[in-house]
Amino acid sequence: MRVFGIILVVTATLFSTPIDYLLVSTKQFTVQGTTSFGGFECNYDMKTKDTLFFNQNEKNTKIIQIIPVRNFGCGNFILNGDFRKTLKEKEFPNVKIDLMNFKREKENYSCDLTLNLVGKQKLFKNLPLKFEKNQLNGMVSINFSDFNLVPPKKIGGMITVKEEIKLRITLMTEQ
């Protein structure tokens, strides 16, 4: 009986599908928006050593990123301050982004994204990801109203931020 068990394990190991993975060296999260005056971007990136496993039955591949709102860079101190105020930094100092359930089918990639922002949570299932130039990229559209936030206004409402913003996730890989 033991011999049969050993043969079964060896056979399963030899003929199982190979583990599909990517080594992530940098994570970048970018918020993009449009105002009545032009566009803006606020970025956060960090070096990392993560391994993404695709198509695993167990949800053992998960990237959890807690980002201090203060660490997003928007290009200048005025935009940085507006961004922090809009995201209620004093009350909610961190944004949490969970990426999980990574899947790959031939050249198509996807994952689930959970965004925790200002005490609210939103799940985006099967977020399409695109792999090119050693980067895995995904983008999701978010409305301020999804999180009970009000788009900022300046100069008596002459400059307003549009309701929809985009969150771009970039995972730079080692290939």
N, C-alpha and C. Protein backbone atom coordinates (compact mmCIF):
# COMPACT_ATOMS: atom_id res chain seq x y z
N MET A 1 0.82 -1.19 0.00
CA MET A 1 0.00 0.00 0.00
C MET A 1 0.87 1.27 0.00
N ARG A 2 1.98 1.23 0.76
CA ARG A 2 2.88 2.39 0.79
C ARG A 2 3.50 2.64 -0.57
N VAL A 3 3.85 1.57 -1.27
CA VAL A 3 4.46 1.71 -2.59
C VAL A 3 3.48 2.38 -3.55
N PHE A 4 2.23 1.98 -3.49
CA PHE A 4 1.20 2.59 -4.33
C PHE A 4 1.07 4.08 -4.04
N GLY A 5 1.11 4.46 -2.77
CA GLY A 5 1.03 5.87 -2.36
C GLY A 5 2.21 6.67 -2.89
N ILE A 6 3.40 6.10 -2.81
CA ILE A 6 4.60 6.78 -3.30
C ILE A 6 4.52 6.96 -4.81
N ILE A 7 4.09 5.93 -5.52
CA ILE A 7 3.95 6.02 -6.98
C ILE A 7 2.93 7.10 -7.34
N LEU A 8 1.84 7.17 -6.62
CA LEU A 8 0.80 8.16 -6.87
C LEU A 8 1.35 9.58 -6.68
N VAL A 9 2.08 9.81 -5.59
CA VAL A 9 2.65 11.14 -5.32
C VAL A 9 3.66 11.52 -6.38
N VAL A 10 4.55 10.62 -6.76
CA VAL A 10 5.57 10.90 -7.77
C VAL A 10 4.91 11.19 -9.12
N THR A 11 3.92 10.40 -9.49
CA THR A 11 3.22 10.61 -10.75
C THR A 11 2.51 11.97 -10.76
N ALA A 12 1.85 12.31 -9.67
CA ALA A 12 1.15 13.59 -9.59
C ALA A 12 2.13 14.75 -9.69
N THR A 13 3.30 14.59 -9.08
CA THR A 13 4.31 15.65 -9.12
C THR A 13 4.87 15.82 -10.53
N LEU A 14 5.14 14.72 -11.21
CA LEU A 14 5.73 14.79 -12.55
C LEU A 14 4.77 15.34 -13.60
N PHE A 15 3.48 15.03 -13.47
CA PHE A 15 2.53 15.40 -14.51
C PHE A 15 1.61 16.56 -14.12
N SER A 16 1.87 17.20 -13.00
CA SER A 16 1.04 18.35 -12.63
C SER A 16 1.47 19.56 -13.45
N THR A 17 0.58 20.53 -13.56
CA THR A 17 0.91 21.73 -14.31
C THR A 17 1.95 22.54 -13.54
N PRO A 18 2.87 23.17 -14.25
CA PRO A 18 3.90 23.95 -13.56
C PRO A 18 3.28 25.17 -12.86
N ILE A 19 3.92 25.60 -11.81
CA ILE A 19 3.44 26.78 -11.08
C ILE A 19 3.80 28.00 -11.90
N ASP A 20 2.83 28.82 -12.16
CA ASP A 20 2.99 30.03 -12.94
C ASP A 20 3.16 31.19 -11.97
N TYR A 21 4.25 31.94 -12.07
CA TYR A 21 4.49 33.02 -11.13
C TYR A 21 5.26 34.16 -11.77
N LEU A 22 5.23 35.31 -11.10
CA LEU A 22 6.03 36.48 -11.47
C LEU A 22 6.69 37.01 -10.20
N LEU A 23 7.90 37.52 -10.35
CA LEU A 23 8.60 38.17 -9.25
C LEU A 23 8.40 39.67 -9.39
N VAL A 24 7.83 40.29 -8.37
CA VAL A 24 7.52 41.73 -8.40
C VAL A 24 8.63 42.49 -7.68
N SER A 25 9.18 43.50 -8.35
CA SER A 25 10.27 44.29 -7.76
C SER A 25 9.82 45.67 -7.29
N THR A 26 8.77 46.20 -7.89
CA THR A 26 8.25 47.53 -7.52
C THR A 26 6.74 47.54 -7.65
N LYS A 27 6.08 48.16 -6.67
CA LYS A 27 4.63 48.36 -6.73
C LYS A 27 4.39 49.86 -6.85
N GLN A 28 3.51 50.23 -7.77
CA GLN A 28 3.18 51.64 -7.93
C GLN A 28 1.65 51.79 -7.99
N PHE A 29 1.14 52.75 -7.23
CA PHE A 29 -0.29 53.05 -7.20
C PHE A 29 -0.44 54.51 -7.58
N THR A 30 -1.25 54.78 -8.60
CA THR A 30 -1.42 56.13 -9.12
C THR A 30 -2.89 56.49 -9.16
N VAL A 31 -3.22 57.64 -8.61
CA VAL A 31 -4.58 58.19 -8.69
C VAL A 31 -4.54 59.26 -9.77
N GLN A 32 -5.43 59.12 -10.77
CA GLN A 32 -5.49 60.08 -11.86
C GLN A 32 -6.87 60.73 -11.86
N GLY A 33 -6.88 62.03 -12.02
CA GLY A 33 -8.13 62.75 -12.06
C GLY A 33 -8.09 63.90 -13.05
N THR A 34 -9.26 64.46 -13.28
CA THR A 34 -9.39 65.58 -14.21
C THR A 34 -10.12 66.70 -13.50
N THR A 35 -9.64 67.92 -13.71
CA THR A 35 -10.31 69.10 -13.18
C THR A 35 -10.81 69.93 -14.34
N SER A 36 -11.55 70.97 -14.04
CA SER A 36 -12.00 71.88 -15.09
C SER A 36 -10.82 72.66 -15.67
N PHE A 37 -9.66 72.56 -15.04
CA PHE A 37 -8.47 73.28 -15.46
C PHE A 37 -7.47 72.35 -16.17
N GLY A 38 -7.48 71.06 -15.85
CA GLY A 38 -6.53 70.10 -16.43
C GLY A 38 -6.54 68.81 -15.62
N GLY A 39 -5.52 68.00 -15.82
CA GLY A 39 -5.44 66.72 -15.12
C GLY A 39 -4.43 66.75 -13.99
N PHE A 40 -4.49 65.73 -13.15
CA PHE A 40 -3.51 65.58 -12.07
C PHE A 40 -3.25 64.11 -11.83
N GLU A 41 -2.10 63.82 -11.22
CA GLU A 41 -1.73 62.48 -10.81
C GLU A 41 -1.09 62.53 -9.44
N CYS A 42 -1.45 61.58 -8.61
CA CYS A 42 -0.82 61.42 -7.30
C CYS A 42 -0.28 60.00 -7.24
N ASN A 43 1.01 59.85 -6.93
CA ASN A 43 1.68 58.55 -7.00
C ASN A 43 2.21 58.09 -5.66
N TYR A 44 2.27 56.77 -5.54
CA TYR A 44 2.97 56.12 -4.43
C TYR A 44 3.65 54.90 -5.01
N ASP A 45 4.94 54.77 -4.79
CA ASP A 45 5.61 53.55 -5.24
C ASP A 45 6.63 53.10 -4.21
N MET A 46 6.90 51.79 -4.26
CA MET A 46 7.86 51.24 -3.32
C MET A 46 8.54 50.02 -3.92
N LYS A 47 9.79 49.83 -3.54
CA LYS A 47 10.52 48.63 -3.92
C LYS A 47 10.00 47.48 -3.07
N THR A 48 10.01 46.29 -3.63
CA THR A 48 9.46 45.14 -2.92
C THR A 48 10.10 43.86 -3.43
N LYS A 49 9.84 42.79 -2.77
CA LYS A 49 10.23 41.45 -3.20
C LYS A 49 9.03 40.55 -2.98
N ASP A 50 8.07 40.61 -3.90
CA ASP A 50 6.87 39.78 -3.82
C ASP A 50 6.87 38.77 -4.95
N THR A 51 6.26 37.63 -4.71
CA THR A 51 6.07 36.62 -5.73
C THR A 51 4.57 36.42 -5.92
N LEU A 52 4.12 36.58 -7.16
CA LEU A 52 2.71 36.37 -7.49
C LEU A 52 2.55 35.00 -8.10
N PHE A 53 1.71 34.18 -7.51
CA PHE A 53 1.39 32.87 -8.06
C PHE A 53 0.02 32.96 -8.71
N PHE A 54 -0.08 32.45 -9.91
CA PHE A 54 -1.33 32.51 -10.66
C PHE A 54 -2.06 31.17 -10.60
N ASN A 55 -3.39 31.25 -10.70
CA ASN A 55 -4.25 30.08 -10.83
C ASN A 55 -4.09 29.09 -9.69
N GLN A 56 -3.92 29.59 -8.50
CA GLN A 56 -3.80 28.71 -7.34
C GLN A 56 -5.18 28.51 -6.74
N ASN A 57 -5.52 27.28 -6.40
CA ASN A 57 -6.81 27.01 -5.77
C ASN A 57 -6.90 27.70 -4.42
N GLU A 58 -5.81 27.69 -3.69
CA GLU A 58 -5.78 28.39 -2.40
C GLU A 58 -5.50 29.86 -2.68
N LYS A 59 -6.02 30.71 -1.85
CA LYS A 59 -5.78 32.14 -2.04
C LYS A 59 -4.51 32.53 -1.29
N ASN A 60 -3.41 31.83 -1.64
CA ASN A 60 -2.16 32.08 -0.94
C ASN A 60 -1.38 33.24 -1.53
N THR A 61 -1.77 33.71 -2.69
CA THR A 61 -1.10 34.86 -3.26
C THR A 61 -1.95 36.09 -3.00
N LYS A 62 -1.41 36.97 -2.23
CA LYS A 62 -2.14 38.18 -1.89
C LYS A 62 -1.12 39.29 -1.65
N ILE A 63 -1.36 40.43 -2.22
CA ILE A 63 -0.55 41.61 -1.93
C ILE A 63 -1.42 42.54 -1.12
N ILE A 64 -0.97 42.85 0.06
CA ILE A 64 -1.68 43.81 0.92
C ILE A 64 -0.77 45.02 1.05
N GLN A 65 -1.26 46.16 0.63
CA GLN A 65 -0.46 47.39 0.71
C GLN A 65 -1.22 48.43 1.52
N ILE A 66 -0.63 48.83 2.63
CA ILE A 66 -1.17 49.92 3.43
C ILE A 66 -0.34 51.15 3.11
N ILE A 67 -1.01 52.17 2.58
CA ILE A 67 -0.32 53.36 2.11
C ILE A 67 -0.72 54.56 2.96
N PRO A 68 0.23 55.19 3.63
CA PRO A 68 -0.09 56.44 4.31
C PRO A 68 -0.49 57.50 3.27
N VAL A 69 -1.63 58.12 3.48
CA VAL A 69 -2.10 59.16 2.55
C VAL A 69 -1.02 60.22 2.37
N ARG A 70 -0.30 60.51 3.43
CA ARG A 70 0.75 61.52 3.40
C ARG A 70 1.86 61.18 2.39
N ASN A 71 2.02 59.89 2.06
CA ASN A 71 3.11 59.48 1.18
C ASN A 71 2.78 59.56 -0.31
N PHE A 72 1.54 59.88 -0.66
CA PHE A 72 1.22 60.10 -2.07
C PHE A 72 1.82 61.43 -2.49
N GLY A 73 2.46 61.45 -3.63
CA GLY A 73 3.02 62.68 -4.17
C GLY A 73 2.23 63.14 -5.38
N CYS A 74 1.77 64.38 -5.33
CA CYS A 74 0.93 64.91 -6.41
C CYS A 74 1.65 65.98 -7.23
N GLY A 75 2.90 66.23 -6.96
CA GLY A 75 3.66 67.17 -7.77
C GLY A 75 4.00 68.48 -7.10
N ASN A 76 3.13 68.96 -6.20
CA ASN A 76 3.46 70.18 -5.47
C ASN A 76 2.70 70.19 -4.14
N PHE A 77 3.10 71.07 -3.24
CA PHE A 77 2.54 71.06 -1.90
C PHE A 77 1.06 71.44 -1.87
N ILE A 78 0.60 72.25 -2.81
CA ILE A 78 -0.81 72.63 -2.83
C ILE A 78 -1.68 71.41 -3.20
N LEU A 79 -1.30 70.71 -4.27
CA LEU A 79 -2.04 69.51 -4.66
C LEU A 79 -1.93 68.42 -3.59
N ASN A 80 -0.75 68.27 -2.99
CA ASN A 80 -0.58 67.29 -1.91
C ASN A 80 -1.55 67.59 -0.77
N GLY A 81 -1.65 68.86 -0.39
CA GLY A 81 -2.55 69.26 0.69
C GLY A 81 -4.02 69.02 0.34
N ASP A 82 -4.40 69.36 -0.89
CA ASP A 82 -5.78 69.14 -1.33
C ASP A 82 -6.12 67.65 -1.34
N PHE A 83 -5.18 66.83 -1.80
CA PHE A 83 -5.37 65.38 -1.84
C PHE A 83 -5.57 64.83 -0.42
N ARG A 84 -4.72 65.26 0.50
CA ARG A 84 -4.82 64.80 1.89
C ARG A 84 -6.14 65.24 2.54
N LYS A 85 -6.53 66.46 2.27
CA LYS A 85 -7.78 66.97 2.84
C LYS A 85 -8.97 66.22 2.27
N THR A 86 -8.98 65.98 0.97
CA THR A 86 -10.08 65.26 0.33
C THR A 86 -10.22 63.85 0.88
N LEU A 87 -9.09 63.18 1.13
CA LEU A 87 -9.11 61.81 1.66
C LEU A 87 -9.17 61.76 3.19
N LYS A 88 -9.43 62.92 3.81
CA LYS A 88 -9.61 63.01 5.26
C LYS A 88 -8.46 62.34 6.02
N GLU A 89 -7.25 62.76 5.67
CA GLU A 89 -6.04 62.15 6.23
C GLU A 89 -6.01 62.15 7.76
N LYS A 90 -6.48 63.21 8.37
CA LYS A 90 -6.42 63.28 9.84
C LYS A 90 -7.28 62.20 10.48
N GLU A 91 -8.42 61.91 9.89
CA GLU A 91 -9.33 60.89 10.43
C GLU A 91 -8.98 59.49 9.92
N PHE A 92 -8.54 59.39 8.66
CA PHE A 92 -8.21 58.12 8.02
C PHE A 92 -6.82 58.24 7.39
N PRO A 93 -5.76 58.03 8.16
CA PRO A 93 -4.41 58.30 7.67
C PRO A 93 -3.89 57.31 6.63
N ASN A 94 -4.56 56.16 6.44
CA ASN A 94 -4.06 55.14 5.52
C ASN A 94 -5.11 54.71 4.50
N VAL A 95 -4.62 54.31 3.35
CA VAL A 95 -5.42 53.65 2.32
C VAL A 95 -4.91 52.22 2.28
N LYS A 96 -5.82 51.26 2.21
CA LYS A 96 -5.41 49.86 2.15
C LYS A 96 -5.88 49.28 0.82
N ILE A 97 -4.95 48.65 0.11
CA ILE A 97 -5.24 48.02 -1.17
C ILE A 97 -4.84 46.55 -1.06
N ASP A 98 -5.81 45.66 -1.30
CA ASP A 98 -5.56 44.22 -1.32
C ASP A 98 -5.72 43.73 -2.75
N LEU A 99 -4.70 43.06 -3.25
CA LEU A 99 -4.75 42.41 -4.55
C LEU A 99 -4.67 40.91 -4.30
N MET A 100 -5.63 40.15 -4.83
CA MET A 100 -5.64 38.72 -4.54
C MET A 100 -6.27 37.95 -5.69
N ASN A 101 -6.19 36.63 -5.59
CA ASN A 101 -6.81 35.73 -6.55
C ASN A 101 -6.31 36.02 -7.97
N PHE A 102 -4.99 36.06 -8.12
CA PHE A 102 -4.40 36.33 -9.44
C PHE A 102 -4.65 35.15 -10.37
N LYS A 103 -5.08 35.47 -11.60
CA LYS A 103 -5.36 34.44 -12.59
C LYS A 103 -4.65 34.76 -13.89
N ARG A 104 -4.29 33.69 -14.59
CA ARG A 104 -3.68 33.85 -15.91
C ARG A 104 -4.24 32.76 -16.81
N GLU A 105 -4.73 33.19 -17.96
CA GLU A 105 -5.18 32.29 -19.00
C GLU A 105 -4.51 32.72 -20.29
N LYS A 106 -3.52 31.98 -20.70
CA LYS A 106 -2.69 32.32 -21.86
C LYS A 106 -2.10 33.71 -21.64
N GLU A 107 -2.53 34.69 -22.43
CA GLU A 107 -1.98 36.05 -22.30
C GLU A 107 -2.90 36.99 -21.51
N ASN A 108 -3.96 36.46 -20.93
CA ASN A 108 -4.91 37.28 -20.17
C ASN A 108 -4.68 37.10 -18.67
N TYR A 109 -4.56 38.22 -17.98
CA TYR A 109 -4.34 38.22 -16.54
C TYR A 109 -5.50 38.95 -15.85
N SER A 110 -5.74 38.59 -14.59
CA SER A 110 -6.74 39.31 -13.80
C SER A 110 -6.48 39.07 -12.32
N CYS A 111 -7.12 39.88 -11.49
CA CYS A 111 -7.06 39.70 -10.04
C CYS A 111 -8.29 40.37 -9.43
N ASP A 112 -8.49 40.13 -8.16
CA ASP A 112 -9.53 40.84 -7.41
C ASP A 112 -8.83 41.94 -6.62
N LEU A 113 -9.49 43.09 -6.52
CA LEU A 113 -8.93 44.24 -5.81
C LEU A 113 -9.95 44.69 -4.76
N THR A 114 -9.49 44.85 -3.54
CA THR A 114 -10.31 45.45 -2.49
C THR A 114 -9.66 46.76 -2.09
N LEU A 115 -10.43 47.83 -2.15
CA LEU A 115 -9.94 49.16 -1.80
C LEU A 115 -10.62 49.61 -0.52
N ASN A 116 -9.81 49.90 0.50
CA ASN A 116 -10.31 50.45 1.77
C ASN A 116 -9.87 51.90 1.85
N LEU A 117 -10.86 52.79 1.83
CA LEU A 117 -10.58 54.22 1.76
C LEU A 117 -11.59 54.95 2.64
N VAL A 118 -11.15 55.85 3.44
CA VAL A 118 -11.96 56.65 4.37
C VAL A 118 -12.99 55.82 5.13
N GLY A 119 -12.57 54.66 5.59
CA GLY A 119 -13.44 53.80 6.39
C GLY A 119 -14.47 53.01 5.60
N LYS A 120 -14.39 53.05 4.29
CA LYS A 120 -15.31 52.31 3.43
C LYS A 120 -14.52 51.32 2.59
N GLN A 121 -15.19 50.26 2.16
CA GLN A 121 -14.52 49.21 1.39
C GLN A 121 -15.30 48.93 0.11
N LYS A 122 -14.55 48.74 -0.99
CA LYS A 122 -15.18 48.40 -2.26
C LYS A 122 -14.36 47.30 -2.92
N LEU A 123 -15.06 46.26 -3.41
CA LEU A 123 -14.43 45.12 -4.05
C LEU A 123 -14.61 45.21 -5.56
N PHE A 124 -13.53 45.00 -6.30
CA PHE A 124 -13.55 44.95 -7.76
C PHE A 124 -13.10 43.54 -8.15
N LYS A 125 -14.04 42.73 -8.64
CA LYS A 125 -13.75 41.34 -9.01
C LYS A 125 -13.25 41.28 -10.45
N ASN A 126 -12.31 40.37 -10.67
CA ASN A 126 -11.79 40.09 -12.01
C ASN A 126 -11.30 41.34 -12.74
N LEU A 127 -10.51 42.13 -12.06
CA LEU A 127 -9.91 43.32 -12.66
C LEU A 127 -8.94 42.87 -13.77
N PRO A 128 -9.18 43.27 -15.02
CA PRO A 128 -8.26 42.88 -16.08
C PRO A 128 -6.89 43.51 -15.88
N LEU A 129 -5.86 42.73 -16.10
CA LEU A 129 -4.48 43.20 -16.00
C LEU A 129 -3.82 42.98 -17.35
N LYS A 130 -2.92 43.87 -17.69
CA LYS A 130 -2.21 43.77 -18.96
C LYS A 130 -0.72 43.64 -18.66
N PHE A 131 -0.09 42.65 -19.27
CA PHE A 131 1.34 42.45 -19.07
C PHE A 131 2.09 42.92 -20.30
N GLU A 132 2.94 43.93 -20.12
CA GLU A 132 3.79 44.41 -21.20
C GLU A 132 5.01 45.11 -20.62
N LYS A 133 6.10 44.96 -21.29
CA LYS A 133 7.37 45.60 -20.89
C LYS A 133 7.68 45.33 -19.41
N ASN A 134 7.57 44.08 -19.00
CA ASN A 134 7.88 43.66 -17.63
C ASN A 134 7.05 44.39 -16.58
N GLN A 135 5.83 44.76 -16.94
CA GLN A 135 4.91 45.39 -16.00
C GLN A 135 3.54 44.75 -16.11
N LEU A 136 2.92 44.52 -14.97
CA LEU A 136 1.55 44.06 -14.92
C LEU A 136 0.72 45.26 -14.50
N ASN A 137 -0.19 45.73 -15.38
CA ASN A 137 -0.94 46.97 -15.15
C ASN A 137 -2.44 46.71 -15.10
N GLY A 138 -3.10 47.41 -14.19
CA GLY A 138 -4.55 47.37 -14.12
C GLY A 138 -5.07 48.75 -13.76
N MET A 139 -6.30 49.03 -14.17
CA MET A 139 -6.89 50.33 -13.86
C MET A 139 -8.36 50.14 -13.52
N VAL A 140 -8.80 50.87 -12.50
CA VAL A 140 -10.19 50.82 -12.10
C VAL A 140 -10.70 52.25 -11.94
N SER A 141 -11.94 52.47 -12.37
CA SER A 141 -12.58 53.78 -12.22
C SER A 141 -13.34 53.81 -10.90
N ILE A 142 -13.22 54.93 -10.22
CA ILE A 142 -13.85 55.12 -8.91
C ILE A 142 -14.54 56.47 -8.92
N ASN A 143 -15.68 56.53 -8.30
CA ASN A 143 -16.36 57.81 -8.11
C ASN A 143 -16.18 58.28 -6.67
N PHE A 144 -16.03 59.56 -6.49
CA PHE A 144 -15.94 60.11 -5.14
C PHE A 144 -17.14 59.66 -4.31
N SER A 145 -18.32 59.63 -4.95
CA SER A 145 -19.54 59.28 -4.23
C SER A 145 -19.53 57.83 -3.74
N ASP A 146 -18.73 56.95 -4.36
CA ASP A 146 -18.61 55.56 -3.89
C ASP A 146 -18.14 55.50 -2.44
N PHE A 147 -17.41 56.53 -2.02
CA PHE A 147 -16.83 56.58 -0.68
C PHE A 147 -17.37 57.75 0.14
N ASN A 148 -18.51 58.28 -0.30
CA ASN A 148 -19.13 59.43 0.37
C ASN A 148 -18.18 60.62 0.48
N LEU A 149 -17.40 60.83 -0.56
CA LEU A 149 -16.48 61.96 -0.62
C LEU A 149 -17.04 62.99 -1.60
N VAL A 150 -16.64 64.22 -1.39
CA VAL A 150 -17.06 65.32 -2.26
C VAL A 150 -15.83 65.79 -3.03
N PRO A 151 -15.93 65.84 -4.37
CA PRO A 151 -14.79 66.33 -5.16
C PRO A 151 -14.43 67.76 -4.73
N PRO A 152 -13.16 68.03 -4.58
CA PRO A 152 -12.76 69.37 -4.13
C PRO A 152 -13.05 70.45 -5.18
N LYS A 153 -13.25 71.67 -4.66
CA LYS A 153 -13.46 72.86 -5.50
C LYS A 153 -12.51 73.94 -5.01
N LYS A 154 -12.06 74.76 -5.93
CA LYS A 154 -11.17 75.87 -5.62
C LYS A 154 -11.67 77.15 -6.28
N ILE A 155 -11.22 78.25 -5.77
CA ILE A 155 -11.53 79.58 -6.30
C ILE A 155 -13.03 79.73 -6.50
N GLY A 156 -13.77 79.50 -5.44
CA GLY A 156 -15.21 79.68 -5.46
C GLY A 156 -15.94 78.77 -6.44
N GLY A 157 -15.37 77.60 -6.71
CA GLY A 157 -16.02 76.64 -7.61
C GLY A 157 -15.59 76.77 -9.06
N MET A 158 -14.68 77.71 -9.35
CA MET A 158 -14.23 77.87 -10.74
C MET A 158 -13.38 76.66 -11.18
N ILE A 159 -12.65 76.08 -10.24
CA ILE A 159 -11.88 74.87 -10.54
C ILE A 159 -12.51 73.73 -9.74
N THR A 160 -13.01 72.73 -10.44
CA THR A 160 -13.63 71.58 -9.78
C THR A 160 -12.98 70.29 -10.29
N VAL A 161 -12.96 69.30 -9.42
CA VAL A 161 -12.46 67.98 -9.80
C VAL A 161 -13.65 67.16 -10.26
N LYS A 162 -13.49 66.47 -11.38
CA LYS A 162 -14.57 65.62 -11.90
C LYS A 162 -14.85 64.47 -10.93
N GLU A 163 -16.08 63.99 -10.93
CA GLU A 163 -16.55 62.93 -10.00
C GLU A 163 -15.76 61.64 -10.14
N GLU A 164 -15.38 61.28 -11.37
CA GLU A 164 -14.69 60.00 -11.60
C GLU A 164 -13.18 60.19 -11.58
N ILE A 165 -12.52 59.32 -10.83
CA ILE A 165 -11.05 59.26 -10.84
C ILE A 165 -10.66 57.83 -11.18
N LYS A 166 -9.41 57.64 -11.49
CA LYS A 166 -8.91 56.31 -11.83
C LYS A 166 -7.77 55.93 -10.88
N LEU A 167 -7.77 54.66 -10.51
CA LEU A 167 -6.67 54.09 -9.72
C LEU A 167 -5.94 53.12 -10.62
N ARG A 168 -4.67 53.42 -10.88
CA ARG A 168 -3.84 52.55 -11.71
C ARG A 168 -2.87 51.80 -10.82
N ILE A 169 -2.81 50.50 -11.03
CA ILE A 169 -1.88 49.64 -10.28
C ILE A 169 -0.85 49.15 -11.27
N THR A 170 0.43 49.31 -10.91
CA THR A 170 1.52 48.83 -11.75
C THR A 170 2.42 47.96 -10.88
N LEU A 171 2.62 46.72 -11.31
CA LEU A 171 3.54 45.82 -10.62
C LEU A 171 4.69 45.55 -11.59
N MET A 172 5.86 46.11 -11.28
CA MET A 172 7.02 45.93 -12.14
C MET A 172 7.68 44.60 -11.76
N THR A 173 8.00 43.82 -12.79
CA THR A 173 8.47 42.47 -12.54
C THR A 173 9.93 42.29 -12.95
N GLU A 174 10.50 41.23 -12.44
CA GLU A 174 11.85 40.81 -12.83
C GLU A 174 11.68 39.65 -13.79
N GLN A 175 12.14 39.81 -15.00
CA GLN A 175 11.99 38.72 -15.99
C GLN A 175 13.33 38.33 -16.53
